[in-house]
Amino acid sequence: MTPAEGVYISPAQTYAEVQQLVRGVGQLEAKIDKFLDEAKDIRSDINDHEIRLRALEHGQSERQRTETVRIDTAETRITTVERKVWAATGAVGVLCMGAGYLMQYLIP
């Protein structure tokens, strides 16, 4: 068989090209499978991150609950101290007034 005008590709060359193409497709499939596995991991990480962000936004994280309890305890203690300071200030004021009146009677 003599080649007609143009390019003649033998069956052996065609077979070699097809085999090379099959290997290339196999390598692409392996890379795509690896990428899809990594994408699953990334998606699960993103979902976990979203859940934790939503908890932080709503003040539901463990650290925020602990801080809230600590702040409430501190506010209670501060309120108690403020009450005692104001009571002591009032008592000192009353004592000073009483001392002033007493001094009027003691000093002629």
Protein backbone atom coordinates (compact mmCIF):
# COMPACT_ATOMS: atom_id res chain seq x y z
CA MET A 1 0.00 0.00 0.00
CA THR A 2 1.46 3.27 -1.04
CA PRO A 3 0.59 6.39 0.85
CA ALA A 4 -1.74 8.80 -0.85
CA GLU A 5 -1.12 12.45 -0.77
CA GLY A 6 -0.71 13.72 2.78
CA VAL A 7 0.56 12.05 5.90
CA TYR A 8 0.42 8.33 6.52
CA ILE A 9 0.21 7.10 10.10
CA SER A 10 0.82 3.43 10.57
CA PRO A 11 -1.30 1.34 12.95
CA ALA A 12 1.78 0.88 15.17
CA GLN A 13 2.18 4.65 15.50
CA THR A 14 -1.54 5.01 16.21
CA TYR A 15 -1.34 2.29 18.86
CA ALA A 16 1.69 3.95 20.51
CA GLU A 17 -0.10 7.32 20.61
CA VAL A 18 -3.23 5.76 22.09
CA GLN A 19 -1.16 3.99 24.76
CA GLN A 20 0.61 7.26 25.60
CA LEU A 21 -2.77 8.98 25.81
CA VAL A 22 -4.10 6.25 28.14
CA ARG A 23 -1.11 6.70 30.46
CA GLY A 24 -1.63 10.48 30.46
CA VAL A 25 -5.33 10.10 31.28
CA GLY A 26 -4.45 7.64 34.06
CA GLN A 27 -2.03 10.16 35.58
CA LEU A 28 -4.66 12.91 35.35
CA GLU A 29 -7.22 10.68 37.09
CA ALA A 30 -4.78 9.99 39.91
CA LYS A 31 -4.09 13.70 40.35
CA ILE A 32 -7.80 14.54 40.26
CA ASP A 33 -8.55 11.86 42.87
CA LYS A 34 -5.81 13.25 45.11
CA PHE A 35 -7.17 16.78 44.66
CA LEU A 36 -10.73 15.64 45.48
CA ASP A 37 -9.52 13.93 48.67
CA GLU A 38 -7.74 17.12 49.72
CA ALA A 39 -10.82 19.16 48.85
CA LYS A 40 -12.91 16.97 51.19
CA ASP A 41 -10.46 17.68 54.01
CA ILE A 42 -10.57 21.40 53.23
CA ARG A 43 -14.37 21.39 53.20
CA SER A 44 -14.52 19.66 56.58
CA ASP A 45 -12.01 22.17 57.99
CA ILE A 46 -14.08 25.06 56.64
CA ASN A 47 -17.27 23.61 58.13
CA ASP A 48 -15.57 23.21 61.50
CA HIS A 49 -14.25 26.76 61.26
CA GLU A 50 -17.73 28.09 60.41
CA ILE A 51 -19.24 26.31 63.42
CA ARG A 52 -16.63 27.79 65.75
CA LEU A 53 -17.07 31.27 64.27
CA ARG A 54 -20.85 31.11 64.75
CA ALA A 55 -20.33 30.06 68.39
CA LEU A 56 -17.99 33.03 68.92
CA GLU A 57 -20.42 35.43 67.27
CA HIS A 58 -23.22 34.29 69.55
CA GLY A 59 -21.05 34.26 72.68
CA GLN A 60 -21.38 30.53 73.15
CA SER A 61 -17.76 29.47 73.31
CA GLU A 62 -16.42 27.94 76.52
CA ARG A 63 -13.96 30.78 77.00
CA GLN A 64 -16.68 33.41 76.63
CA ARG A 65 -18.91 31.62 79.14
CA THR A 66 -16.02 31.44 81.60
CA GLU A 67 -15.27 35.15 81.09
CA THR A 68 -18.93 36.04 81.60
CA VAL A 69 -19.01 34.17 84.92
CA ARG A 70 -15.74 35.80 85.98
CA ILE A 71 -17.02 39.26 85.08
CA ASP A 72 -20.30 38.67 86.92
CA THR A 73 -18.37 37.57 90.01
CA ALA A 74 -16.09 40.63 89.83
CA GLU A 75 -19.08 42.96 89.41
CA THR A 76 -20.73 41.46 92.49
CA ARG A 77 -17.55 41.95 94.54
CA ILE A 78 -17.10 45.52 93.29
CA THR A 79 -20.71 46.36 94.11
CA THR A 80 -20.24 45.01 97.63
CA VAL A 81 -17.05 47.07 98.11
CA GLU A 82 -18.76 50.21 96.75
CA ARG A 83 -21.63 49.78 99.21
CA LYS A 84 -19.20 49.46 102.10
CA VAL A 85 -17.20 52.52 100.95
CA TRP A 86 -20.34 54.67 100.71
CA ALA A 87 -21.56 53.42 104.09
CA ALA A 88 -18.19 54.22 105.64
CA THR A 89 -18.19 57.67 104.02
CA GLY A 90 -21.65 58.36 105.41
CA ALA A 91 -20.63 57.14 108.86
CA VAL A 92 -17.55 59.38 108.82
CA GLY A 93 -19.72 62.34 107.79
CA VAL A 94 -22.16 61.70 110.62
CA LEU A 95 -19.30 61.32 113.12
CA CYS A 96 -17.72 64.58 111.97
CA MET A 97 -21.03 66.43 112.34
CA GLY A 98 -21.48 64.92 115.78
CA ALA A 99 -17.92 65.87 116.74
CA GLY A 100 -18.57 69.43 115.52
CA TYR A 101 -21.67 69.77 117.69
CA LEU A 102 -19.86 68.22 120.64
CA MET A 103 -16.98 70.68 120.22
CA GLN A 104 -19.45 73.60 120.31
CA TYR A 105 -20.60 72.52 123.76
CA LEU A 106 -17.17 71.61 125.10
CA ILE A 107 -15.35 74.76 124.01
CA PRO A 108 -16.89 77.86 125.65
